[in-house]
C-alpha atoms as a PDB file:
ATOM      1  CA  UNK A   1      -1.407 -84.644  46.608  1.00  0.00           C
ATOM      2  CA  UNK A   2      -3.107 -83.111  49.619  1.00  0.00           C
ATOM      3  CA  UNK A   3      -2.002 -80.412  52.044  1.00  0.00           C
ATOM      4  CA  UNK A   4      -3.043 -80.012  55.655  1.00  0.00           C
ATOM      5  CA  UNK A   5      -2.077 -78.737  59.043  1.00  0.00           C
ATOM      6  CA  UNK A   6      -0.943 -81.575  61.306  1.00  0.00           C
ATOM      7  CA  UNK A   7      -0.656 -81.929  65.079  1.00  0.00           C
ATOM      8  CA  UNK A   8       2.525 -82.157  67.144  1.00  0.00           C
ATOM      9  CA  UNK A   9       3.290 -85.608  68.537  1.00  0.00           C
ATOM     10  CA  UNK A  10       1.152 -87.585  66.072  1.00  0.00           C
ATOM     11  CA  UNK A  11       2.262 -90.342  63.710  1.00  0.00           C
ATOM     12  CA  UNK A  12       2.095 -87.771  60.886  1.00  0.00           C
ATOM     13  CA  UNK A  13       4.394 -85.463  62.855  1.00  0.00           C
ATOM     14  CA  UNK A  14       6.888 -88.309  63.304  1.00  0.00           C
ATOM     15  CA  UNK A  15       6.885 -88.837  59.509  1.00  0.00           C
ATOM     16  CA  UNK A  16       7.431 -85.096  59.094  1.00  0.00           C
ATOM     17  CA  UNK A  17      10.472 -85.232  61.384  1.00  0.00           C
ATOM     18  CA  UNK A  18      11.887 -88.126  59.339  1.00  0.00           C
ATOM     19  CA  UNK A  19      11.528 -86.134  56.106  1.00  0.00           C
ATOM     20  CA  UNK A  20      13.076 -82.999  57.618  1.00  0.00           C
ATOM     21  CA  UNK A  21      15.916 -85.055  59.051  1.00  0.00           C
ATOM     22  CA  UNK A  22      16.577 -86.762  55.708  1.00  0.00           C
ATOM     23  CA  UNK A  23      16.460 -83.580  53.592  1.00  0.00           C
ATOM     24  CA  UNK A  24      17.682 -80.829  55.924  1.00  0.00           C
ATOM     25  CA  UNK A  25      19.744 -82.258  58.767  1.00  0.00           C
ATOM     26  CA  UNK A  26      21.511 -85.501  57.838  1.00  0.00           C
ATOM     27  CA  UNK A  27      23.305 -83.993  54.807  1.00  0.00           C
ATOM     28  CA  UNK A  28      24.880 -81.522  57.263  1.00  0.00           C
ATOM     29  CA  UNK A  29      25.707 -84.193  59.845  1.00  0.00           C
ATOM     30  CA  UNK A  30      23.093 -82.777  62.239  1.00  0.00           C
ATOM     31  CA  UNK A  31      20.109 -84.139  64.156  1.00  0.00           C
ATOM     32  CA  UNK A  32      17.176 -82.569  65.982  1.00  0.00           C
ATOM     33  CA  UNK A  33      17.394 -82.234  69.738  1.00  0.00           C
ATOM     34  CA  UNK A  34      14.427 -83.184  71.906  1.00  0.00           C
ATOM     35  CA  UNK A  35      14.282 -79.540  73.004  1.00  0.00           C
ATOM     36  CA  UNK A  36      14.005 -78.316  69.375  1.00  0.00           C
ATOM     37  CA  UNK A  37      11.139 -80.696  68.661  1.00  0.00           C
ATOM     38  CA  UNK A  38       9.391 -79.909  71.955  1.00  0.00           C
ATOM     39  CA  UNK A  39       9.451 -76.194  71.056  1.00  0.00           C
ATOM     40  CA  UNK A  40       7.285 -76.951  67.997  1.00  0.00           C
ATOM     41  CA  UNK A  41       4.241 -77.798  70.158  1.00  0.00           C
ATOM     42  CA  UNK A  42       2.644 -74.402  69.593  1.00  0.00           C
ATOM     43  CA  UNK A  43       3.758 -73.847  66.010  1.00  0.00           C
ATOM     44  CA  UNK A  44       1.844 -74.391  62.780  1.00  0.00           C
ATOM     45  CA  UNK A  45       2.912 -77.668  61.156  1.00  0.00           C
ATOM     46  CA  UNK A  46       2.081 -78.111  57.465  1.00  0.00           C
ATOM     47  CA  UNK A  47       2.517 -81.304  55.464  1.00  0.00           C
ATOM     48  CA  UNK A  48       1.968 -82.352  51.838  1.00  0.00           C
ATOM     49  CA  UNK A  49       0.813 -85.925  51.360  1.00  0.00           C
ATOM     50  CA  UNK A  50       0.827 -88.415  48.504  1.00  0.00           C
ATOM     51  CA  UNK A  51      -1.644 -90.912  49.933  1.00  0.00           C
ATOM     52  CA  UNK A  52      -0.138 -91.822  53.354  1.00  0.00           C
ATOM     53  CA  UNK A  53       3.379 -90.562  52.573  1.00  0.00           C
ATOM     54  CA  UNK A  54       4.565 -87.103  53.533  1.00  0.00           C
ATOM     55  CA  UNK A  55       6.330 -85.646  50.502  1.00  0.00           C
ATOM     56  CA  UNK A  56       6.843 -82.082  51.741  1.00  0.00           C
ATOM     57  CA  UNK A  57       6.462 -79.897  54.792  1.00  0.00           C
ATOM     58  CA  UNK A  58       7.190 -76.663  56.592  1.00  0.00           C
ATOM     59  CA  UNK A  59       6.805 -75.101  60.020  1.00  0.00           C
ATOM     60  CA  UNK A  60       5.387 -71.644  60.729  1.00  0.00           C
ATOM     61  CA  UNK A  61       6.735 -70.041  63.908  1.00  0.00           C
ATOM     62  CA  UNK A  62       5.147 -67.060  65.618  1.00  0.00           C
ATOM     63  CA  UNK A  63       7.381 -63.976  65.604  1.00  0.00           C
ATOM     64  CA  UNK A  64       4.958 -61.226  66.630  1.00  0.00           C
ATOM     65  CA  UNK A  65       1.314 -60.238  66.103  1.00  0.00           C
ATOM     66  CA  UNK A  66       1.907 -59.454  62.419  1.00  0.00           C
ATOM     67  CA  UNK A  67       4.666 -61.896  61.438  1.00  0.00           C
ATOM     68  CA  UNK A  68       5.173 -65.626  60.991  1.00  0.00           C
ATOM     69  CA  UNK A  69       8.516 -67.225  60.197  1.00  0.00           C
ATOM     70  CA  UNK A  70       8.565 -70.020  57.651  1.00  0.00           C
ATOM     71  CA  UNK A  71      11.167 -72.630  58.516  1.00  0.00           C
ATOM     72  CA  UNK A  72      12.077 -76.269  57.971  1.00  0.00           C
ATOM     73  CA  UNK A  73      10.723 -76.268  54.399  1.00  0.00           C
ATOM     74  CA  UNK A  74      11.503 -79.648  52.855  1.00  0.00           C
ATOM     75  CA  UNK A  75      10.379 -81.593  49.780  1.00  0.00           C
ATOM     76  CA  UNK A  76      11.322 -85.237  49.236  1.00  0.00           C
ATOM     77  CA  UNK A  77      14.081 -85.637  46.622  1.00  0.00           C
ATOM     78  CA  UNK A  78      11.920 -87.908  44.458  1.00  0.00           C
ATOM     79  CA  UNK A  79       9.304 -85.184  43.855  1.00  0.00           C
ATOM     80  CA  UNK A  80      11.356 -81.991  43.789  1.00  0.00           C
ATOM     81  CA  UNK A  81      10.568 -79.782  40.808  1.00  0.00           C
ATOM     82  CA  UNK A  82       6.972 -81.033  40.581  1.00  0.00           C
ATOM     83  CA  UNK A  83       5.225 -78.056  42.194  1.00  0.00           C
ATOM     84  CA  UNK A  84       4.982 -79.418  45.725  1.00  0.00           C
ATOM     85  CA  UNK A  85       7.136 -76.640  47.186  1.00  0.00           C
ATOM     86  CA  UNK A  86       5.010 -74.046  45.370  1.00  0.00           C
ATOM     87  CA  UNK A  87       1.836 -75.646  46.744  1.00  0.00           C
ATOM     88  CA  UNK A  88       3.238 -75.618  50.283  1.00  0.00           C
ATOM     89  CA  UNK A  89       4.193 -71.934  49.927  1.00  0.00           C
ATOM     90  CA  UNK A  90       0.721 -71.008  48.687  1.00  0.00           C
ATOM     91  CA  UNK A  91      -0.964 -73.013  51.469  1.00  0.00           C
ATOM     92  CA  UNK A  92       1.300 -71.476  54.151  1.00  0.00           C
ATOM     93  CA  UNK A  93       0.762 -67.917  52.912  1.00  0.00           C
ATOM     94  CA  UNK A  94      -3.016 -68.362  52.668  1.00  0.00           C
ATOM     95  CA  UNK A  95      -3.144 -69.867  56.154  1.00  0.00           C
ATOM     96  CA  UNK A  96      -1.081 -66.963  57.511  1.00  0.00           C
ATOM     97  CA  UNK A  97      -3.394 -64.412  55.839  1.00  0.00           C
ATOM     98  CA  UNK A  98      -6.477 -66.218  57.151  1.00  0.00           C
ATOM     99  CA  UNK A  99      -5.046 -66.000  60.676  1.00  0.00           C
ATOM    100  CA  UNK A 100      -4.484 -62.254  60.269  1.00  0.00           C
ATOM    101  CA  UNK A 101      -0.723 -62.176  59.736  1.00  0.00           C
ATOM    102  CA  UNK A 102       0.705 -59.480  57.503  1.00  0.00           C
ATOM    103  CA  UNK A 103       4.311 -60.625  56.973  1.00  0.00           C
ATOM    104  CA  UNK A 104       6.204 -63.847  56.379  1.00  0.00           C
ATOM    105  CA  UNK A 105       9.938 -64.032  57.028  1.00  0.00           C
ATOM    106  CA  UNK A 106      12.493 -66.827  56.798  1.00  0.00           C
ATOM    107  CA  UNK A 107      16.162 -67.710  57.071  1.00  0.00           C
ATOM    108  CA  UNK A 108      16.683 -69.080  53.549  1.00  0.00           C
ATOM    109  CA  UNK A 109      19.614 -71.291  52.668  1.00  0.00           C
ATOM    110  CA  UNK A 110      21.627 -69.645  49.903  1.00  0.00           C
ATOM    111  CA  UNK A 111      20.719 -72.547  47.594  1.00  0.00           C
ATOM    112  CA  UNK A 112      16.975 -71.793  48.046  1.00  0.00           C
ATOM    113  CA  UNK A 113      16.990 -68.004  47.602  1.00  0.00           C
ATOM    114  CA  UNK A 114      15.992 -68.213  43.912  1.00  0.00           C
ATOM    115  CA  UNK A 115      13.024 -70.434  44.796  1.00  0.00           C
ATOM    116  CA  UNK A 116      11.681 -67.953  47.347  1.00  0.00           C
ATOM    117  CA  UNK A 117      12.293 -64.962  45.069  1.00  0.00           C
ATOM    118  CA  UNK A 118       9.794 -66.522  42.611  1.00  0.00           C
ATOM    119  CA  UNK A 119       7.129 -66.005  45.282  1.00  0.00           C
ATOM    120  CA  UNK A 120       7.997 -62.363  45.900  1.00  0.00           C
ATOM    121  CA  UNK A 121      10.331 -62.748  48.873  1.00  0.00           C
ATOM    122  CA  UNK A 122      13.119 -60.177  49.123  1.00  0.00           C
ATOM    123  CA  UNK A 123      16.500 -60.580  50.780  1.00  0.00           C
ATOM    124  CA  UNK A 124      17.099 -58.337  53.741  1.00  0.00           C
ATOM    125  CA  UNK A 125      20.426 -57.701  55.457  1.00  0.00           C
ATOM    126  CA  UNK A 126      23.680 -59.564  55.141  1.00  0.00           C
ATOM    127  CA  UNK A 127      24.372 -63.239  54.626  1.00  0.00           C
ATOM    128  CA  UNK A 128      24.992 -65.195  57.848  1.00  0.00           C
ATOM    129  CA  UNK A 129      25.887 -68.738  58.865  1.00  0.00           C
ATOM    130  CA  UNK A 130      23.240 -70.982  60.432  1.00  0.00           C
ATOM    131  CA  UNK A 131      23.534 -74.767  60.861  1.00  0.00           C
ATOM    132  CA  UNK A 132      27.014 -74.410  59.319  1.00  0.00           C
ATOM    133  CA  UNK A 133      25.825 -73.046  55.936  1.00  0.00           C
ATOM    134  CA  UNK A 134      25.100 -69.577  54.443  1.00  0.00           C
ATOM    135  CA  UNK A 135      21.604 -68.148  54.909  1.00  0.00           C
ATOM    136  CA  UNK A 136      19.835 -64.913  54.100  1.00  0.00           C
ATOM    137  CA  UNK A 137      16.856 -63.332  55.864  1.00  0.00           C
ATOM    138  CA  UNK A 138      13.995 -62.983  53.380  1.00  0.00           C
ATOM    139  CA  UNK A 139      10.616 -61.382  53.860  1.00  0.00           C
ATOM    140  CA  UNK A 140       7.325 -60.707  52.106  1.00  0.00           C
ATOM    141  CA  UNK A 141       4.267 -58.660  52.879  1.00  0.00           C
ATOM    142  CA  UNK A 142       1.196 -60.854  52.590  1.00  0.00           C
ATOM    143  CA  UNK A 143      -1.263 -58.624  50.756  1.00  0.00           C
END
């Protein structure tokens, strides 16, 4: 498995959208709008590959000079529990540190909170509903 930053609008990005749609949106009866995808042009797009296949991904969105927001974290069902999510987290955090960011935040689905806690993320504030399901803001200082 390899990890890399990919470019918006490429064939790899289209595969990334398919994975995110399959894992994150379709189970909720949702799809991406063109506007949502267009807004990702200036964001950091990370993908995990098994040969030519994307098996995991995430997006890092700029919040302010010190903070990135991790979002759209997805790992293909067939390889969940095999360390791909952990590898993506490590890659994303190292990339953020290398770019001078101090904090990583996210809106974590309630079903993923335990996963993020393993990496030192802490819940902050009250639960809220986003894309029709419960979420929690989580954050970590990247030291």
